[in-house]
């Protein structure tokens, strides 16, 4: 399996997770 993440994709994922964690 080949996982290739650009910085934009990683930033987007972290932003979504952070928002869900902080919006509880």
N, C-alpha and C. Protein backbone atom coordinates (compact mmCIF):
# COMPACT_ATOMS: atom_id res chain seq x y z
N UNK A 1 0.86 -1.21 0.00
CA UNK A 1 0.00 0.00 0.00
C UNK A 1 0.88 1.24 0.00
N UNK A 2 0.45 2.22 -0.75
CA UNK A 2 1.26 3.43 -0.89
C UNK A 2 0.52 4.62 -0.31
N UNK A 3 1.05 5.19 0.75
CA UNK A 3 0.41 6.36 1.36
C UNK A 3 1.21 7.61 1.05
N UNK A 4 0.61 8.51 0.29
CA UNK A 4 1.30 9.76 -0.04
C UNK A 4 0.42 10.92 0.38
N UNK A 5 0.86 11.65 1.39
CA UNK A 5 0.08 12.80 1.87
C UNK A 5 0.85 14.08 1.61
N UNK A 6 0.19 15.02 0.98
CA UNK A 6 0.80 16.34 0.83
C UNK A 6 0.58 17.12 2.11
N UNK A 7 1.34 18.19 2.31
CA UNK A 7 1.18 18.98 3.53
C UNK A 7 -0.23 19.54 3.63
N UNK A 8 -0.81 19.90 2.49
CA UNK A 8 -2.18 20.43 2.51
C UNK A 8 -3.16 19.39 3.02
N UNK A 9 -3.03 18.15 2.58
CA UNK A 9 -3.95 17.09 3.02
C UNK A 9 -3.78 16.82 4.51
N UNK A 10 -2.53 16.77 4.98
CA UNK A 10 -2.30 16.54 6.41
C UNK A 10 -2.87 17.69 7.23
N UNK A 11 -2.65 18.92 6.77
CA UNK A 11 -3.18 20.09 7.48
C UNK A 11 -4.69 20.03 7.55
N UNK A 12 -5.34 19.66 6.46
CA UNK A 12 -6.79 19.57 6.43
C UNK A 12 -7.30 18.52 7.41
N UNK A 13 -6.64 17.36 7.44
CA UNK A 13 -7.06 16.30 8.36
C UNK A 13 -6.90 16.74 9.81
N UNK A 14 -5.76 17.36 10.13
CA UNK A 14 -5.53 17.81 11.50
C UNK A 14 -6.53 18.89 11.88
N UNK A 15 -6.84 19.78 10.94
CA UNK A 15 -7.82 20.83 11.21
C UNK A 15 -9.17 20.23 11.54
N UNK A 16 -9.62 19.23 10.77
CA UNK A 16 -10.91 18.59 11.04
C UNK A 16 -10.92 17.92 12.41
N UNK A 17 -9.87 17.17 12.72
CA UNK A 17 -9.80 16.48 14.02
C UNK A 17 -9.77 17.50 15.16
N UNK A 18 -8.97 18.55 15.01
CA UNK A 18 -8.87 19.56 16.07
C UNK A 18 -10.20 20.24 16.29
N UNK A 19 -10.89 20.58 15.21
CA UNK A 19 -12.19 21.25 15.34
C UNK A 19 -13.18 20.33 16.06
N UNK A 20 -13.20 19.05 15.71
CA UNK A 20 -14.13 18.12 16.37
C UNK A 20 -13.80 17.99 17.85
N UNK A 21 -12.50 17.96 18.18
CA UNK A 21 -12.11 17.81 19.58
C UNK A 21 -12.45 19.06 20.38
N UNK A 22 -12.26 20.24 19.80
CA UNK A 22 -12.45 21.48 20.55
C UNK A 22 -13.90 21.93 20.54
N UNK A 23 -14.72 21.34 19.65
CA UNK A 23 -16.12 21.77 19.57
C UNK A 23 -17.05 20.87 20.37
N UNK A 24 -16.50 19.98 21.19
CA UNK A 24 -17.34 19.08 21.98
C UNK A 24 -18.13 19.86 23.02
